[in-house]
C-alpha atoms as a PDB file:
ATOM      1  CA  MET A   1      12.755 -36.456 -61.150  1.00  0.00           C
ATOM      2  CA  ARG A   2      13.284 -35.380 -57.397  1.00  0.00           C
ATOM      3  CA  HIS A   3      10.725 -33.197 -55.787  1.00  0.00           C
ATOM      4  CA  PRO A   4      11.828 -30.443 -53.103  1.00  0.00           C
ATOM      5  CA  PRO A   5      10.990 -31.858 -49.584  1.00  0.00           C
ATOM      6  CA  LEU A   6       7.824 -30.332 -48.164  1.00  0.00           C
ATOM      7  CA  ALA A   7       7.940 -27.747 -45.873  1.00  0.00           C
ATOM      8  CA  ARG A   8       7.606 -28.302 -42.236  1.00  0.00           C
ATOM      9  CA  PRO A   9       4.634 -26.987 -40.386  1.00  0.00           C
ATOM     10  CA  ARG A  10       5.493 -24.158 -38.136  1.00  0.00           C
ATOM     11  CA  GLN A  11       6.370 -25.374 -34.546  1.00  0.00           C
ATOM     12  CA  ILE A  12       5.456 -22.733 -32.026  1.00  0.00           C
ATOM     13  CA  SER A  13       6.157 -22.977 -28.394  1.00  0.00           C
ATOM     14  CA  ASP A  14       4.070 -22.639 -25.561  1.00  0.00           C
ATOM     15  CA  GLU A  15       6.604 -19.685 -24.316  1.00  0.00           C
ATOM     16  CA  ASP A  16       5.512 -17.796 -27.858  1.00  0.00           C
ATOM     17  CA  ILE A  17       2.018 -18.093 -27.297  1.00  0.00           C
ATOM     18  CA  LEU A  18       2.127 -16.755 -23.986  1.00  0.00           C
ATOM     19  CA  LYS A  19       4.230 -13.627 -25.206  1.00  0.00           C
ATOM     20  CA  ALA A  20       1.605 -13.521 -27.789  1.00  0.00           C
ATOM     21  CA  VAL A  21      -1.274 -13.297 -25.073  1.00  0.00           C
ATOM     22  CA  ARG A  22       0.638 -10.925 -23.179  1.00  0.00           C
ATOM     23  CA  LYS A  23       0.817  -8.528 -26.173  1.00  0.00           C
ATOM     24  CA  CYS A  24      -2.787  -8.596 -27.100  1.00  0.00           C
ATOM     25  CA  VAL A  25      -4.004  -8.250 -23.329  1.00  0.00           C
ATOM     26  CA  PHE A  26      -1.802  -5.136 -22.966  1.00  0.00           C
ATOM     27  CA  HIS A  27      -2.889  -3.930 -26.212  1.00  0.00           C
ATOM     28  CA  HIS A  28      -6.670  -4.741 -26.059  1.00  0.00           C
ATOM     29  CA  GLY A  29      -7.656  -5.352 -22.733  1.00  0.00           C
ATOM     30  CA  PRO A  30      -8.380  -8.597 -21.044  1.00  0.00           C
ATOM     31  CA  SER A  31     -11.223  -9.248 -22.879  1.00  0.00           C
ATOM     32  CA  VAL A  32      -9.510  -9.483 -26.144  1.00  0.00           C
ATOM     33  CA  SER A  33     -10.671 -12.456 -28.098  1.00  0.00           C
ATOM     34  CA  THR A  34      -8.878 -15.975 -28.691  1.00  0.00           C
ATOM     35  CA  VAL A  35      -9.406 -15.216 -32.598  1.00  0.00           C
ATOM     36  CA  CYS A  36      -7.536 -12.039 -32.051  1.00  0.00           C
ATOM     37  CA  ILE A  37      -4.824 -13.955 -30.000  1.00  0.00           C
ATOM     38  CA  ALA A  38      -4.385 -17.018 -32.910  1.00  0.00           C
ATOM     39  CA  GLU A  39      -4.382 -14.601 -35.467  1.00  0.00           C
ATOM     40  CA  SER A  40      -1.742 -12.588 -34.321  1.00  0.00           C
ATOM     41  CA  ILE A  41       0.818 -15.599 -33.908  1.00  0.00           C
ATOM     42  CA  GLY A  42      -0.839 -17.612 -37.372  1.00  0.00           C
ATOM     43  CA  VAL A  43      -2.385 -20.578 -35.368  1.00  0.00           C
ATOM     44  CA  SER A  44      -5.718 -21.432 -34.525  1.00  0.00           C
ATOM     45  CA  GLN A  45      -7.995 -21.426 -31.656  1.00  0.00           C
ATOM     46  CA  ALA A  46      -7.897 -24.480 -31.289  1.00  0.00           C
ATOM     47  CA  THR A  47      -3.928 -25.019 -30.998  1.00  0.00           C
ATOM     48  CA  LEU A  48      -4.588 -22.553 -27.919  1.00  0.00           C
ATOM     49  CA  PHE A  49      -7.358 -24.568 -26.372  1.00  0.00           C
ATOM     50  CA  LYS A  50      -5.445 -27.811 -27.334  1.00  0.00           C
ATOM     51  CA  ARG A  51      -2.306 -26.457 -25.357  1.00  0.00           C
ATOM     52  CA  PHE A  52      -4.210 -24.220 -22.400  1.00  0.00           C
ATOM     53  CA  GLY A  53      -7.526 -25.843 -22.225  1.00  0.00           C
ATOM     54  CA  ASP A  54      -9.704 -22.597 -22.209  1.00  0.00           C
ATOM     55  CA  LYS A  55      -9.261 -18.741 -22.460  1.00  0.00           C
ATOM     56  CA  ALA A  56      -9.483 -18.050 -18.706  1.00  0.00           C
ATOM     57  CA  ASN A  57      -6.338 -20.380 -18.146  1.00  0.00           C
ATOM     58  CA  LEU A  58      -4.551 -19.177 -21.232  1.00  0.00           C
ATOM     59  CA  ILE A  59      -4.898 -15.588 -19.986  1.00  0.00           C
ATOM     60  CA  LEU A  60      -3.997 -17.035 -16.322  1.00  0.00           C
ATOM     61  CA  GLN A  61      -0.838 -18.771 -17.329  1.00  0.00           C
ATOM     62  CA  ALA A  62       0.436 -15.837 -19.751  1.00  0.00           C
ATOM     63  CA  LEU A  63       0.291 -13.298 -17.023  1.00  0.00           C
ATOM     64  CA  LEU A  64       0.982 -15.062 -13.701  1.00  0.00           C
ATOM     65  CA  PRO A  65       4.236 -13.621 -12.159  1.00  0.00           C
ATOM     66  CA  ASP A  66       7.347 -15.435 -11.854  1.00  0.00           C
ATOM     67  CA  GLU A  67       7.662 -17.668  -9.162  1.00  0.00           C
ATOM     68  CA  ARG A  68      11.122 -16.604  -8.272  1.00  0.00           C
ATOM     69  CA  PRO A  69      11.917 -12.953  -9.450  1.00  0.00           C
ATOM     70  CA  ALA A  70      15.342 -12.550 -10.989  1.00  0.00           C
ATOM     71  CA  PHE A  71      16.676  -9.907  -8.303  1.00  0.00           C
ATOM     72  CA  LEU A  72      16.387 -12.536  -5.568  1.00  0.00           C
ATOM     73  CA  ASP A  73      19.776 -13.656  -6.427  1.00  0.00           C
ATOM     74  CA  LEU A  74      20.990 -10.150  -5.523  1.00  0.00           C
ATOM     75  CA  VAL A  75      19.651 -10.506  -2.409  1.00  0.00           C
ATOM     76  CA  GLU A  76      20.167 -14.127  -1.109  1.00  0.00           C
ATOM     77  CA  SER A  77      23.638 -13.739  -1.871  1.00  0.00           C
ATOM     78  CA  GLY A  78      24.116 -10.388   0.032  1.00  0.00           C
ATOM     79  CA  PRO A  79      24.965  -8.442   1.900  1.00  0.00           C
ATOM     80  CA  CYS A  80      28.854  -8.820   1.362  1.00  0.00           C
ATOM     81  CA  THR A  81      31.449  -6.817   3.005  1.00  0.00           C
ATOM     82  CA  ASP A  82      33.634  -5.502  -0.197  1.00  0.00           C
ATOM     83  CA  VAL A  83      31.077  -3.287  -1.595  1.00  0.00           C
ATOM     84  CA  GLU A  84      29.389  -0.387   0.265  1.00  0.00           C
ATOM     85  CA  ILE A  85      25.980  -1.328   1.817  1.00  0.00           C
ATOM     86  CA  GLN A  86      24.195   1.627   0.177  1.00  0.00           C
ATOM     87  CA  ALA A  87      25.621   0.808  -3.341  1.00  0.00           C
ATOM     88  CA  GLN A  88      24.325  -2.845  -2.395  1.00  0.00           C
ATOM     89  CA  LEU A  89      20.835  -1.350  -1.368  1.00  0.00           C
ATOM     90  CA  VAL A  90      20.695   0.894  -4.656  1.00  0.00           C
ATOM     91  CA  GLU A  91      21.499  -2.349  -7.076  1.00  0.00           C
ATOM     92  CA  ILE A  92      18.916  -4.224  -5.454  1.00  0.00           C
ATOM     93  CA  GLY A  93      16.336  -1.217  -5.640  1.00  0.00           C
ATOM     94  CA  VAL A  94      17.103  -0.747  -9.187  1.00  0.00           C
ATOM     95  CA  ALA A  95      16.313  -4.355 -10.302  1.00  0.00           C
ATOM     96  CA  ALA A  96      13.304  -4.767  -7.843  1.00  0.00           C
ATOM     97  CA  LEU A  97      11.809  -1.953  -9.668  1.00  0.00           C
ATOM     98  CA  ALA A  98      12.602  -3.470 -13.357  1.00  0.00           C
ATOM     99  CA  HIS A  99      11.066  -6.451 -12.119  1.00  0.00           C
ATOM    100  CA  PHE A 100       7.782  -4.383 -10.765  1.00  0.00           C
ATOM    101  CA  ARG A 101       7.578  -2.598 -14.203  1.00  0.00           C
ATOM    102  CA  LYS A 102       7.209  -6.347 -15.686  1.00  0.00           C
ATOM    103  CA  VAL A 103       4.935  -7.855 -12.987  1.00  0.00           C
ATOM    104  CA  MET A 104       2.641  -4.888 -11.933  1.00  0.00           C
ATOM    105  CA  PRO A 105       0.834  -4.745 -15.399  1.00  0.00           C
ATOM    106  CA  ARG A 106       0.035  -8.511 -15.304  1.00  0.00           C
ATOM    107  CA  ILE A 107      -1.498  -8.519 -11.839  1.00  0.00           C
ATOM    108  CA  MET A 108      -3.721  -5.614 -12.794  1.00  0.00           C
ATOM    109  CA  ALA A 109      -4.810  -7.088 -15.855  1.00  0.00           C
ATOM    110  CA  LEU A 110      -5.458 -10.432 -14.320  1.00  0.00           C
ATOM    111  CA  ARG A 111      -7.704  -8.551 -11.522  1.00  0.00           C
ATOM    112  CA  GLN A 112      -9.442  -6.725 -14.768  1.00  0.00           C
ATOM    113  CA  ALA A 113     -10.016 -10.183 -16.003  1.00  0.00           C
ATOM    114  CA  GLY A 114     -11.947 -11.315 -12.763  1.00  0.00           C
ATOM    115  CA  ASN A 115      -9.141 -13.314 -11.050  1.00  0.00           C
ATOM    116  CA  ASP A 116      -9.109 -13.838  -7.140  1.00  0.00           C
ATOM    117  CA  PRO A 117      -5.770 -12.683  -5.673  1.00  0.00           C
ATOM    118  CA  ARG A 118      -6.008 -15.969  -3.507  1.00  0.00           C
ATOM    119  CA  THR A 119      -6.833 -18.015  -6.868  1.00  0.00           C
ATOM    120  CA  MET A 120      -3.614 -16.196  -8.190  1.00  0.00           C
ATOM    121  CA  LEU A 121      -1.496 -17.065  -5.126  1.00  0.00           C
ATOM    122  CA  SER A 122      -2.483 -20.650  -4.831  1.00  0.00           C
ATOM    123  CA  HIS A 123      -0.437 -21.607  -8.049  1.00  0.00           C
ATOM    124  CA  PHE A 124       2.959 -20.945  -6.041  1.00  0.00           C
ATOM    125  CA  ASP A 125       4.117 -23.058  -2.996  1.00  0.00           C
ATOM    126  CA  VAL A 126       5.244 -19.748  -1.723  1.00  0.00           C
ATOM    127  CA  PRO A 127       3.566 -16.690  -3.109  1.00  0.00           C
ATOM    128  CA  PRO A 128       6.238 -14.329  -4.627  1.00  0.00           C
ATOM    129  CA  PRO A 129       5.389 -11.125  -2.649  1.00  0.00           C
ATOM    130  CA  VAL A 130       5.744 -13.312   0.242  1.00  0.00           C
ATOM    131  CA  ARG A 131       9.056 -14.808  -0.960  1.00  0.00           C
ATOM    132  CA  VAL A 132      10.234 -11.175  -1.849  1.00  0.00           C
ATOM    133  CA  LEU A 133       9.570  -9.806   1.756  1.00  0.00           C
ATOM    134  CA  MET A 134      11.014 -12.691   3.319  1.00  0.00           C
ATOM    135  CA  ALA A 135      14.297 -12.695   1.319  1.00  0.00           C
ATOM    136  CA  LEU A 136      14.735  -8.854   1.904  1.00  0.00           C
ATOM    137  CA  CYS A 137      13.781  -9.369   5.813  1.00  0.00           C
ATOM    138  CA  GLN A 138      16.690 -11.658   5.877  1.00  0.00           C
ATOM    139  CA  TRP A 139      19.055  -9.382   4.198  1.00  0.00           C
ATOM    140  CA  PHE A 140      18.438  -6.545   6.418  1.00  0.00           C
ATOM    141  CA  TYR A 141      19.013  -8.821   9.196  1.00  0.00           C
ATOM    142  CA  ARG A 142      22.293 -10.233   7.994  1.00  0.00           C
ATOM    143  CA  ALA A 143      22.988  -6.623   7.331  1.00  0.00           C
ATOM    144  CA  ASN A 144      22.231  -5.852  10.920  1.00  0.00           C
ATOM    145  CA  GLU A 145      24.160  -8.503  12.437  1.00  0.00           C
ATOM    146  CA  MET A 146      27.213  -7.745  10.612  1.00  0.00           C
ATOM    147  CA  GLY A 147      27.247  -4.594  11.920  1.00  0.00           C
ATOM    148  CA  GLN A 148      26.575  -2.947   8.381  1.00  0.00           C
ATOM    149  CA  LEU A 149      23.484  -0.964   9.538  1.00  0.00           C
ATOM    150  CA  ARG A 150      21.256  -0.540  12.335  1.00  0.00           C
ATOM    151  CA  CYS A 151      17.833  -2.063  11.694  1.00  0.00           C
ATOM    152  CA  ASP A 152      15.432  -2.949  14.772  1.00  0.00           C
ATOM    153  CA  ASP A 153      12.589  -4.013  12.623  1.00  0.00           C
ATOM    154  CA  HIS A 154      13.436  -5.870   9.377  1.00  0.00           C
ATOM    155  CA  GLU A 155       9.971  -6.412   8.301  1.00  0.00           C
ATOM    156  CA  ALA A 156       9.074  -2.593   8.616  1.00  0.00           C
ATOM    157  CA  THR A 157      12.216  -1.919   6.777  1.00  0.00           C
ATOM    158  CA  ALA A 158      11.905  -3.971   4.079  1.00  0.00           C
ATOM    159  CA  LEU A 159       8.069  -2.935   3.588  1.00  0.00           C
ATOM    160  CA  THR A 160       9.194   0.541   3.575  1.00  0.00           C
ATOM    161  CA  PHE A 161      11.998  -0.433   0.778  1.00  0.00           C
ATOM    162  CA  LEU A 162       9.349  -2.453  -0.893  1.00  0.00           C
ATOM    163  CA  GLY A 163       6.779   0.159  -0.606  1.00  0.00           C
ATOM    164  CA  SER A 164       8.608   3.044  -2.361  1.00  0.00           C
ATOM    165  CA  LEU A 165       9.454   1.141  -5.110  1.00  0.00           C
ATOM    166  CA  HIS A 166       5.792  -0.429  -5.816  1.00  0.00           C
ATOM    167  CA  VAL A 167       4.587   3.330  -5.424  1.00  0.00           C
ATOM    168  CA  ARG A 168       6.700   4.734  -8.089  1.00  0.00           C
ATOM    169  CA  VAL A 169       5.712   2.015 -10.308  1.00  0.00           C
ATOM    170  CA  PHE A 170       2.203   2.260  -9.668  1.00  0.00           C
ATOM    171  CA  PHE A 171       2.087   6.108 -10.058  1.00  0.00           C
ATOM    172  CA  ASP A 172       3.672   5.808 -13.706  1.00  0.00           C
ATOM    173  CA  ILE A 173       1.159   3.063 -15.171  1.00  0.00           C
ATOM    174  CA  MET A 174      -1.719   5.031 -13.623  1.00  0.00           C
ATOM    175  CA  MET A 175      -0.771   8.819 -14.885  1.00  0.00           C
ATOM    176  CA  GLY A 176       0.448   7.254 -18.315  1.00  0.00           C
ATOM    177  CA  PRO A 177       1.532   9.906 -21.074  1.00  0.00           C
ATOM    178  CA  SER A 178       0.628  13.100 -21.071  1.00  0.00           C
ATOM    179  CA  ALA A 179      -1.382  14.543 -24.306  1.00  0.00           C
ATOM    180  CA  ASP A 180       2.132  16.106 -25.878  1.00  0.00           C
ATOM    181  CA  GLY A 181       3.518  12.561 -25.562  1.00  0.00           C
ATOM    182  CA  GLN A 182       5.553  13.014 -22.277  1.00  0.00           C
ATOM    183  CA  TRP A 183       5.721  10.928 -19.536  1.00  0.00           C
ATOM    184  CA  GLN A 184       3.711  12.227 -16.708  1.00  0.00           C
ATOM    185  CA  GLY A 185       5.342   9.556 -13.929  1.00  0.00           C
ATOM    186  CA  VAL A 186       7.413  10.781 -11.211  1.00  0.00           C
ATOM    187  CA  ARG A 187      10.462  12.515 -12.670  1.00  0.00           C
ATOM    188  CA  GLY A 188      13.969  11.317 -12.749  1.00  0.00           C
ATOM    189  CA  THR A 189      15.249   7.950 -13.592  1.00  0.00           C
ATOM    190  CA  ASP A 190      14.699   4.653 -11.611  1.00  0.00           C
ATOM    191  CA  GLN A 191      18.375   4.611 -10.496  1.00  0.00           C
ATOM    192  CA  HIS A 192      17.831   8.462  -9.634  1.00  0.00           C
ATOM    193  CA  HIS A 193      14.865   7.698  -7.409  1.00  0.00           C
ATOM    194  CA  VAL A 194      16.376   4.689  -5.693  1.00  0.00           C
ATOM    195  CA  GLU A 195      19.449   6.485  -4.854  1.00  0.00           C
ATOM    196  CA  ASN A 196      17.645   9.201  -3.156  1.00  0.00           C
ATOM    197  CA  LEU A 197      15.383   6.570  -1.560  1.00  0.00           C
ATOM    198  CA  VAL A 198      18.487   4.846  -0.169  1.00  0.00           C
ATOM    199  CA  ASN A 199      20.476   8.342   0.937  1.00  0.00           C
ATOM    200  CA  ASN A 200      16.862   8.870   2.789  1.00  0.00           C
ATOM    201  CA  LEU A 201      16.414   5.939   4.566  1.00  0.00           C
ATOM    202  CA  TRP A 202      20.123   5.459   5.516  1.00  0.00           C
ATOM    203  CA  ARG A 203      19.769   8.397   8.092  1.00  0.00           C
ATOM    204  CA  GLY A 204      17.907   5.799  10.288  1.00  0.00           C
ATOM    205  CA  LEU A 205      19.681   2.634   9.141  1.00  0.00           C
ATOM    206  CA  ALA A 206      23.240   4.105   9.354  1.00  0.00           C
ATOM    207  CA  PRO A 207      25.037   2.352  12.265  1.00  0.00           C
ATOM    208  CA  ASP A 208      26.145   5.440  13.814  1.00  0.00           C
ATOM    209  CA  GLY A 209      22.923   7.042  13.823  1.00  0.00           C
ATOM    210  CA  GLY A 210      23.262   8.680  10.522  1.00  0.00           C
ATOM    211  CA  THR A 211      25.852  11.187  11.854  1.00  0.00           C
ATOM    212  CA  SER A 212      28.183  10.510   9.018  1.00  0.00           C
END
């Protein structure tokens, strides 16, 4: 008589664990127990510690931002000459906002858990915020050299652009939903926000001084 094969033990990847950690931290806060995290994905605490050493490192690895934000592909490949420069800035801004909405809650949770910013950034050869700022500075420099816009201070322009995006995300996170369930954050969609931001900046960036 042939017996059915034994079921293989469930295999769970490190990324599956880190996703579960993020979900638990965002729901319960960074003080969430490893018991709660382990139970949420059906593994033992020993599995968590075997993979990541201790709770502090588990939380850190789950919440650290990506070393290379995906929207940098848009920044580093441009600007191009066959698409209106304002439209390119809007595309970059919308993609950057999506990234910041993912990253900022992680950074806030890491700070709440007691992680020093210098310790967090020491895990990267180039800290992600520095990488983003440098890439955007170069984008404005190239656009200026190509005559697509007028930009005397690339870093100030990049910081102004990024700062307006960060503030929108921060405001939405801090305000949260109202008592009636409606969002109290900045009005309008991210697309609308970035379009208005670019339109306002363009008055100072346009090659002709914004007269057209």
